[in-house]
Amino acid sequence: MNGTTASYDLAPALELLVLGALIALVPLAWVAWRHRAAGASRRWQALGVLTLFLTFDLVLFGAFTRLTDSGLGCPDWPGCYGNASPVGAQAQISAAQQALPSGPVTHGKAWIEMVHRYLATSVGALILVLTVAAWWQWVRYRRGNAGAPVLHRWWALATLVWVCLQGAFGALTVTMRLFPAIVTLHLFGGLMLLALLCVQAVRQGQVVEHRAPAALPRGLRAALAATALLVVGQVLLGGWVSTNYAVLACTTFPLCQGSWWPPMNFAEGFQVWRELGLLADGSHISFAALTAIHYVHRLAAYVVLPVLALLAWRLARHGALRRQARWLGALTGLQFLTGLSNVVLGWPLVAAVLHTGGAAALLVVLVWALAASRATASDAAMAQAPLTISTLPGASA
């Protein structure tokens, strides 16, 4: 890595924004053509679903970027050695690669990092379009030229603000040299962005397709919310394992280092504000600390996976959300298999990316189930309630 490279160089920022906007034109044009005979509400609903899908892909590609050690493939932000692409930085990248062939800067890693930034910029552009559409719909409604908005304008604005914050954490991930707490917060930001977009897509679909929210007993819906929080916590623990490279601290299952309770240092392992591989005092983190990070995630999985399986069973029995129940069951199985593969197969890239993707998908399904349902003490009463814009939480103008 070229030590003289400035952490921030805003010179290529405009080029990156233009490139992101051009990439965003592809899904925008596809939605416009695919739904050319439909009304505006249907087109915005389709764009919301597509943006959710592309954001999920972005989270997956972010995991791929981290797992291939490409997070510092371009050691400055937002460009690559002050250029909008690695093409203009070939000399600097070649020098860094020649100095350290297995280091953080190579031509391949630079392209992976920059493609991740291009995709993130295009997703931000799509969310900006959705926000402008939500506010324009509200303006037309206030003028009496259109019906009530599908989604509250402030929800769309909150999503836009959140994606901007997520971009800021992406910048800090690079400029703070993969600081573990920042990398984990960046993962958390991606999860919350998925949740915001998922609610938006589900609520739009309910109005466009004239579907009332499914009636769920209060206890079951509360279990949905509690499980979603459990999954978020478990994903953050998994992110802490990954960003500290603690996956291989235990290479057997169910035992770890030949023991049910191997030597662990929890104080060091969960010292949050420190550089990668170091403690706050500058000393190197111990293997016992890495073991503690890994094992806590494993112990939490012994709780979260059965809870997910039980919730999937209860939802399937209730019948209102059978589709979500099937997804929960399948993804729970996938998480167990990919997590086990990471341990016993030495952290293969495919299994590691799928493990992150499965975790993100679990959260999306749980949020989908929450957004598609309403708590009620009487299913019959809910079934008789007419669907209006006002019955959708967050949909008022």
Protein backbone atom coordinates (compact mmCIF):
# COMPACT_ATOMS: atom_id res chain seq x y z
CA MET A 1 0.00 0.00 0.00
CA ASN A 2 1.28 3.47 -0.81
CA GLY A 3 1.69 5.12 2.57
CA THR A 4 1.45 8.60 1.01
CA THR A 5 -2.11 8.03 -0.19
CA ALA A 6 -4.57 10.42 1.45
CA SER A 7 -7.51 8.78 3.19
CA TYR A 8 -10.01 11.08 1.51
CA ASP A 9 -9.69 12.36 -2.04
CA LEU A 10 -12.95 13.82 -3.31
CA ALA A 11 -11.64 14.52 -6.81
CA PRO A 12 -13.35 11.49 -8.41
CA ALA A 13 -16.58 11.90 -6.42
CA LEU A 14 -18.57 13.49 -9.25
CA GLU A 15 -17.48 10.81 -11.72
CA LEU A 16 -18.53 8.10 -9.26
CA LEU A 17 -21.93 9.72 -8.76
CA VAL A 18 -22.48 9.92 -12.52
CA LEU A 19 -21.42 6.30 -12.94
CA GLY A 20 -23.76 5.20 -10.14
CA ALA A 21 -26.63 7.10 -11.75
CA LEU A 22 -25.93 5.46 -15.12
CA ILE A 23 -25.95 2.00 -13.52
CA ALA A 24 -29.23 2.86 -11.77
CA LEU A 25 -30.78 3.69 -15.14
CA VAL A 26 -30.69 -0.02 -16.04
CA PRO A 27 -33.17 -1.20 -13.36
CA LEU A 28 -35.21 1.98 -13.80
CA ALA A 29 -35.55 1.35 -17.54
CA TRP A 30 -36.36 -2.33 -16.95
CA VAL A 31 -39.18 -1.50 -14.51
CA ALA A 32 -40.57 1.17 -16.85
CA TRP A 33 -40.58 -1.27 -19.79
CA ARG A 34 -41.74 -4.33 -17.83
CA HIS A 35 -44.70 -2.45 -16.31
CA ARG A 36 -45.35 0.00 -19.13
CA ALA A 37 -49.05 -0.90 -19.23
CA ALA A 38 -49.52 -0.66 -15.45
CA GLY A 39 -50.33 2.33 -13.30
CA ALA A 40 -47.82 4.45 -11.45
CA SER A 41 -48.43 2.69 -8.12
CA ARG A 42 -47.62 -0.69 -9.65
CA ARG A 43 -44.40 0.67 -11.19
CA TRP A 44 -43.23 2.20 -7.90
CA GLN A 45 -44.06 -1.04 -6.09
CA ALA A 46 -42.01 -3.02 -8.63
CA LEU A 47 -39.12 -0.60 -8.28
CA GLY A 48 -39.27 -0.94 -4.50
CA VAL A 49 -39.05 -4.74 -4.72
CA LEU A 50 -36.21 -4.54 -7.24
CA THR A 51 -34.30 -2.06 -5.06
CA LEU A 52 -34.68 -4.42 -2.10
CA PHE A 53 -33.31 -7.28 -4.22
CA LEU A 54 -30.35 -5.20 -5.44
CA THR A 55 -29.59 -4.06 -1.89
CA PHE A 56 -29.54 -7.70 -0.78
CA ASP A 57 -27.10 -8.39 -3.63
CA LEU A 58 -25.00 -5.46 -2.43
CA VAL A 59 -24.83 -6.95 1.08
CA LEU A 60 -23.69 -10.24 -0.45
CA PHE A 61 -21.05 -8.49 -2.53
CA GLY A 62 -19.93 -6.58 0.56
CA ALA A 63 -19.39 -9.92 2.30
CA PHE A 64 -17.45 -11.14 -0.73
CA THR A 65 -15.32 -7.98 -0.62
CA ARG A 66 -14.50 -8.50 3.05
CA LEU A 67 -13.88 -12.24 2.77
CA THR A 68 -11.48 -11.82 -0.16
CA ASP A 69 -9.53 -9.22 1.87
CA SER A 70 -10.42 -6.59 -0.72
CA GLY A 71 -11.69 -3.97 1.73
CA LEU A 72 -8.49 -1.96 1.30
CA GLY A 73 -8.02 -2.81 -2.37
CA CYS A 74 -8.21 0.94 -2.91
CA PRO A 75 -6.80 2.53 0.26
CA ASP A 76 -8.50 5.91 -0.20
CA TRP A 77 -12.12 6.99 -0.57
CA PRO A 78 -14.27 7.44 -2.63
CA GLY A 79 -11.99 6.66 -5.57
CA CYS A 80 -8.88 4.58 -6.08
CA TYR A 81 -5.67 6.56 -5.62
CA GLY A 82 -7.63 9.65 -6.59
CA ASN A 83 -9.12 8.04 -9.71
CA ALA A 84 -12.67 6.97 -10.49
CA SER A 85 -11.52 3.45 -11.39
CA PRO A 86 -8.46 1.19 -11.00
CA VAL A 87 -7.65 1.86 -14.67
CA GLY A 88 -6.29 5.29 -13.79
CA ALA A 89 -4.44 3.91 -10.77
CA GLN A 90 -2.56 1.06 -12.47
CA ALA A 91 0.87 2.46 -11.64
CA GLN A 92 0.14 2.88 -7.92
CA ILE A 93 -1.58 -0.50 -7.66
CA SER A 94 1.29 -2.23 -9.48
CA ALA A 95 3.82 -0.62 -7.14
CA ALA A 96 1.88 -1.71 -4.06
CA GLN A 97 1.38 -5.22 -5.44
CA GLN A 98 5.07 -5.55 -6.31
CA ALA A 99 6.08 -4.43 -2.84
CA LEU A 100 3.68 -6.88 -1.16
CA PRO A 101 2.17 -9.45 -3.60
CA SER A 102 -0.14 -10.95 -0.98
CA GLY A 103 -1.00 -7.61 0.60
CA PRO A 104 -4.26 -5.67 0.69
CA VAL A 105 -3.65 -3.86 -2.63
CA THR A 106 -3.66 -5.86 -5.86
CA HIS A 107 -5.32 -5.27 -9.21
CA GLY A 108 -7.99 -7.89 -8.50
CA LYS A 109 -8.76 -6.57 -5.03
CA ALA A 110 -8.90 -3.01 -6.31
CA TRP A 111 -11.55 -3.95 -8.87
CA ILE A 112 -13.58 -5.87 -6.29
CA GLU A 113 -13.54 -2.89 -3.93
CA MET A 114 -14.46 -0.38 -6.63
CA VAL A 115 -17.26 -2.53 -8.07
CA HIS A 116 -18.68 -2.65 -4.55
CA ARG A 117 -18.61 1.16 -4.42
CA TYR A 118 -20.22 1.44 -7.88
CA LEU A 119 -23.05 -0.86 -6.83
CA ALA A 120 -23.54 1.01 -3.56
CA THR A 121 -23.77 4.31 -5.41
CA SER A 122 -26.37 2.92 -7.82
CA VAL A 123 -28.49 1.56 -4.94
CA GLY A 124 -28.32 5.00 -3.33
CA ALA A 125 -29.54 6.53 -6.60
CA LEU A 126 -32.52 4.14 -6.71
CA ILE A 127 -33.45 4.98 -3.11
CA LEU A 128 -33.25 8.68 -4.00
CA VAL A 129 -35.70 8.07 -6.87
CA LEU A 130 -38.09 6.23 -4.53
CA THR A 131 -37.89 9.09 -2.03
CA VAL A 132 -38.60 11.75 -4.64
CA ALA A 133 -41.53 9.67 -5.91
CA ALA A 134 -42.98 9.35 -2.39
CA TRP A 135 -42.80 13.11 -1.80
CA TRP A 136 -44.18 13.93 -5.25
CA GLN A 137 -47.10 11.61 -4.60
CA TRP A 138 -47.76 13.41 -1.32
CA VAL A 139 -47.63 16.82 -3.04
CA ARG A 140 -50.14 15.66 -5.65
CA TYR A 141 -52.38 14.25 -2.92
CA ARG A 142 -52.35 17.57 -1.05
CA ARG A 143 -53.28 19.36 -4.26
CA GLY A 144 -56.16 16.94 -4.83
CA ASN A 145 -54.65 15.49 -8.00
CA ALA A 146 -54.05 11.95 -6.71
CA GLY A 147 -55.11 9.46 -4.08
CA ALA A 148 -53.51 9.07 -0.69
CA PRO A 149 -49.83 8.01 -0.78
CA VAL A 150 -49.04 4.32 -0.47
CA LEU A 151 -46.29 4.99 2.07
CA HIS A 152 -45.62 7.85 4.44
CA ARG A 153 -43.17 10.29 2.89
CA TRP A 154 -41.07 10.37 6.06
CA TRP A 155 -40.47 6.62 5.84
CA ALA A 156 -38.97 7.07 2.39
CA LEU A 157 -36.87 10.00 3.63
CA ALA A 158 -35.64 7.96 6.60
CA THR A 159 -34.51 5.25 4.18
CA LEU A 160 -32.59 7.83 2.14
CA VAL A 161 -30.92 9.27 5.24
CA TRP A 162 -30.00 5.77 6.39
CA VAL A 163 -28.35 4.86 3.07
CA CYS A 164 -26.30 8.06 3.34
CA LEU A 165 -25.18 7.04 6.83
CA GLN A 166 -24.35 3.61 5.47
CA GLY A 167 -22.17 5.24 2.84
CA ALA A 168 -20.38 7.19 5.57
CA PHE A 169 -19.64 3.97 7.45
CA GLY A 170 -18.37 2.48 4.20
CA ALA A 171 -15.94 5.38 3.93
CA LEU A 172 -14.84 4.92 7.55
CA THR A 173 -14.30 1.21 6.92
CA VAL A 174 -11.60 2.17 4.42
CA THR A 175 -10.11 5.24 6.08
CA MET A 176 -9.94 3.59 9.52
CA ARG A 177 -8.27 0.52 8.00
CA LEU A 178 -10.93 -2.14 8.71
CA PHE A 179 -11.45 -1.04 12.32
CA PRO A 180 -13.49 -3.99 13.69
CA ALA A 181 -16.21 -1.91 15.38
CA ILE A 182 -16.73 0.17 12.21
CA VAL A 183 -16.86 -2.90 9.96
CA THR A 184 -19.46 -4.49 12.27
CA LEU A 185 -21.51 -1.28 12.35
CA HIS A 186 -21.35 -1.19 8.54
CA LEU A 187 -22.84 -4.69 8.50
CA PHE A 188 -25.55 -3.55 10.94
CA GLY A 189 -26.31 -0.61 8.66
CA GLY A 190 -26.78 -2.97 5.73
CA LEU A 191 -29.23 -5.08 7.73
CA MET A 192 -31.28 -2.05 8.77
CA LEU A 193 -31.36 -0.77 5.20
CA LEU A 194 -32.76 -4.13 4.10
CA ALA A 195 -35.39 -3.92 6.83
CA LEU A 196 -36.46 -0.39 5.83
CA LEU A 197 -36.75 -1.35 2.16
CA CYS A 198 -38.57 -4.58 2.99
CA VAL A 199 -41.28 -2.75 4.95
CA GLN A 200 -41.62 -0.27 2.10
CA ALA A 201 -41.98 -3.03 -0.51
CA VAL A 202 -44.50 -5.04 1.54
CA ARG A 203 -46.72 -2.06 2.33
CA GLN A 204 -46.73 -0.95 -1.29
CA GLY A 205 -47.67 -4.47 -2.36
CA GLN A 206 -50.54 -4.62 0.11
CA VAL A 207 -52.17 -1.53 -1.34
CA VAL A 208 -51.47 -2.26 -5.00
CA GLU A 209 -52.73 -5.85 -4.70
CA HIS A 210 -55.55 -4.96 -2.27
CA ARG A 211 -54.32 -7.36 0.40
CA ALA A 212 -55.14 -6.82 4.04
CA PRO A 213 -52.44 -7.58 6.62
CA ALA A 214 -52.63 -11.15 7.93
CA ALA A 215 -54.13 -11.52 11.40
CA LEU A 216 -51.75 -13.02 13.94
CA PRO A 217 -52.28 -13.61 17.66
CA ARG A 218 -50.48 -11.00 19.70
CA GLY A 219 -48.18 -13.56 21.26
CA LEU A 220 -47.09 -14.98 17.91
CA ARG A 221 -46.42 -11.56 16.45
CA ALA A 222 -44.46 -10.59 19.55
CA ALA A 223 -42.42 -13.77 19.05
CA LEU A 224 -41.74 -12.64 15.47
CA ALA A 225 -40.39 -9.30 16.68
CA ALA A 226 -38.31 -10.89 19.44
CA THR A 227 -36.83 -13.41 17.01
CA ALA A 228 -35.92 -10.62 14.59
CA LEU A 229 -33.98 -8.91 17.40
CA LEU A 230 -32.28 -12.21 18.24
CA VAL A 231 -31.23 -12.63 14.63
CA VAL A 232 -29.82 -9.09 14.49
CA GLY A 233 -27.78 -9.79 17.61
CA GLN A 234 -26.52 -13.09 16.21
CA VAL A 235 -25.57 -11.47 12.89
CA LEU A 236 -23.59 -8.81 14.76
CA LEU A 237 -21.79 -11.55 16.69
CA GLY A 238 -21.07 -13.27 13.38
CA GLY A 239 -19.78 -10.01 11.94
CA TRP A 240 -17.50 -9.65 14.98
CA VAL A 241 -16.19 -13.18 14.34
CA SER A 242 -15.55 -12.44 10.67
CA THR A 243 -13.97 -9.02 11.04
CA ASN A 244 -11.61 -10.33 13.73
CA TYR A 245 -10.77 -13.41 11.62
CA ALA A 246 -11.83 -15.66 14.50
CA VAL A 247 -13.62 -18.32 12.43
CA LEU A 248 -10.67 -20.72 12.53
CA ALA A 249 -10.14 -20.40 16.29
CA CYS A 250 -12.30 -23.53 16.48
CA THR A 251 -11.91 -26.03 13.64
CA THR A 252 -14.01 -28.88 15.01
CA PHE A 253 -17.66 -29.33 15.93
CA PRO A 254 -19.26 -29.68 18.43
CA LEU A 255 -16.03 -29.57 20.46
CA CYS A 256 -13.63 -26.64 20.16
CA GLN A 257 -9.93 -27.40 20.52
CA GLY A 258 -10.92 -30.79 21.93
CA SER A 259 -13.00 -29.28 24.72
CA TRP A 260 -16.53 -28.16 25.49
CA TRP A 261 -15.07 -25.08 27.19
CA PRO A 262 -11.68 -24.16 25.65
CA PRO A 263 -9.38 -21.47 27.12
CA MET A 264 -11.04 -18.10 26.42
CA ASN A 265 -10.41 -14.45 27.21
CA PHE A 266 -13.75 -12.64 27.02
CA ALA A 267 -12.40 -9.28 28.21
CA GLU A 268 -9.96 -9.08 25.30
CA GLY A 269 -12.30 -10.64 22.76
CA PHE A 270 -15.07 -8.13 23.39
CA GLN A 271 -12.92 -5.05 23.81
CA VAL A 272 -14.83 -3.14 21.18
CA TRP A 273 -12.89 0.02 20.38
CA ARG A 274 -9.51 -1.15 19.09
CA GLU A 275 -7.66 -1.69 15.84
CA LEU A 276 -7.73 -4.95 13.92
CA GLY A 277 -5.54 -7.56 15.61
CA LEU A 278 -4.61 -5.26 18.47
CA LEU A 279 -5.89 -4.31 21.89
CA ALA A 280 -6.48 -0.77 23.09
CA ASP A 281 -2.98 -0.67 24.66
CA GLY A 282 -1.37 -1.62 21.34
CA SER A 283 -0.55 -5.21 22.26
CA HIS A 284 -1.59 -8.09 20.03
CA ILE A 285 -4.90 -9.81 20.70
CA SER A 286 -4.49 -13.31 22.12
CA PHE A 287 -5.66 -16.59 20.60
CA ALA A 288 -7.80 -17.12 23.72
CA ALA A 289 -9.61 -13.87 22.85
CA LEU A 290 -10.28 -15.06 19.29
CA THR A 291 -11.57 -18.32 20.72
CA ALA A 292 -13.95 -16.41 22.99
CA ILE A 293 -15.29 -14.42 20.00
CA HIS A 294 -15.90 -17.60 18.01
CA TYR A 295 -17.39 -19.60 20.85
CA VAL A 296 -19.87 -16.95 21.97
CA HIS A 297 -21.25 -16.86 18.42
CA ARG A 298 -21.50 -20.65 18.46
CA LEU A 299 -23.24 -20.73 21.84
CA ALA A 300 -25.72 -18.08 20.66
CA ALA A 301 -26.45 -20.22 17.60
CA TYR A 302 -27.55 -23.04 19.92
CA VAL A 303 -30.32 -20.69 21.05
CA VAL A 304 -31.19 -18.82 17.86
CA LEU A 305 -31.48 -21.79 15.48
CA PRO A 306 -34.03 -23.73 17.61
CA VAL A 307 -36.00 -20.50 18.14
CA LEU A 308 -36.15 -19.96 14.37
CA ALA A 309 -37.23 -23.56 13.78
CA LEU A 310 -39.95 -23.30 16.43
CA LEU A 311 -41.19 -20.01 14.99
CA ALA A 312 -41.33 -21.49 11.47
CA TRP A 313 -43.39 -24.41 12.84
CA ARG A 314 -45.79 -22.11 14.69
CA LEU A 315 -46.30 -19.88 11.66
CA ALA A 316 -46.93 -22.90 9.45
CA ARG A 317 -49.48 -24.26 11.93
CA HIS A 318 -51.26 -20.93 12.14
CA GLY A 319 -51.51 -20.84 8.36
CA ALA A 320 -51.62 -17.07 7.83
CA LEU A 321 -47.98 -16.80 6.81
CA ARG A 322 -47.14 -20.23 5.43
CA ARG A 323 -44.93 -18.81 2.70
CA GLN A 324 -42.76 -16.98 5.22
CA ALA A 325 -42.74 -20.09 7.43
CA ARG A 326 -41.30 -22.19 4.61
CA TRP A 327 -38.60 -19.61 3.95
CA LEU A 328 -37.71 -19.47 7.64
CA GLY A 329 -37.39 -23.24 7.83
CA ALA A 330 -35.23 -23.48 4.72
CA LEU A 331 -32.96 -20.59 5.70
CA THR A 332 -32.51 -21.95 9.22
CA GLY A 333 -31.25 -25.20 7.73
CA LEU A 334 -28.98 -23.29 5.36
CA GLN A 335 -27.47 -21.31 8.23
CA PHE A 336 -26.68 -24.46 10.17
CA LEU A 337 -25.03 -26.13 7.15
CA THR A 338 -23.00 -23.10 6.05
CA GLY A 339 -21.93 -22.31 9.62
CA LEU A 340 -20.78 -25.89 10.10
CA SER A 341 -18.99 -25.80 6.74
CA ASN A 342 -17.11 -22.66 7.74
CA VAL A 343 -15.71 -24.48 10.77
CA VAL A 344 -14.91 -27.97 9.51
CA LEU A 345 -13.92 -27.05 5.92
CA GLY A 346 -11.62 -24.18 6.84
CA TRP A 347 -13.81 -21.18 5.99
CA PRO A 348 -14.46 -21.76 2.25
CA LEU A 349 -15.42 -18.59 0.42
CA VAL A 350 -18.72 -19.89 -0.98
CA ALA A 351 -19.95 -21.12 2.40
CA ALA A 352 -18.84 -17.90 4.10
CA VAL A 353 -20.69 -15.67 1.60
CA LEU A 354 -23.78 -17.89 1.78
CA HIS A 355 -23.68 -17.71 5.58
CA THR A 356 -23.82 -13.92 5.48
CA GLY A 357 -26.48 -13.99 2.78
CA GLY A 358 -28.56 -16.49 4.73
CA ALA A 359 -28.43 -14.30 7.82
CA ALA A 360 -29.53 -11.25 5.86
CA ALA A 361 -32.30 -13.26 4.20
CA LEU A 362 -33.54 -14.48 7.59
CA LEU A 363 -33.91 -10.90 8.76
CA VAL A 364 -35.71 -9.91 5.55
CA VAL A 365 -38.18 -12.78 5.94
CA LEU A 366 -38.85 -11.89 9.58
CA VAL A 367 -39.41 -8.23 8.69
CA TRP A 368 -41.56 -9.34 5.75
CA ALA A 369 -43.72 -11.38 8.13
CA LEU A 370 -43.99 -8.47 10.57
CA ALA A 371 -44.90 -5.96 7.86
CA ALA A 372 -47.42 -8.37 6.30
CA SER A 373 -49.28 -8.98 9.57
CA ARG A 374 -51.11 -7.24 12.37
CA ALA A 375 -51.54 -8.33 15.95
CA THR A 376 -55.11 -9.09 16.90
CA ALA A 377 -56.92 -10.99 19.61
CA SER A 378 -59.54 -12.06 17.08
CA ASP A 379 -58.68 -13.38 13.64
CA ALA A 380 -62.29 -13.09 12.56
CA ALA A 381 -62.41 -9.40 13.43
CA MET A 382 -59.31 -8.74 11.39
CA ALA A 383 -60.56 -10.70 8.41
CA GLN A 384 -63.69 -8.52 8.29
CA ALA A 385 -61.77 -5.24 8.41
CA PRO A 386 -61.71 -3.45 5.01
CA LEU A 387 -58.37 -2.59 3.50
CA THR A 388 -57.72 1.14 3.29
CA ILE A 389 -54.61 3.21 3.18
CA SER A 390 -55.16 4.13 6.86
CA THR A 391 -55.10 0.46 7.94
CA LEU A 392 -51.46 0.18 6.82
CA PRO A 393 -49.06 1.37 9.54
CA GLY A 394 -46.73 4.01 8.19
CA ALA A 395 -48.95 4.66 5.17
CA SER A 396 -50.72 7.80 6.33
CA ALA A 397 -50.03 11.10 4.65
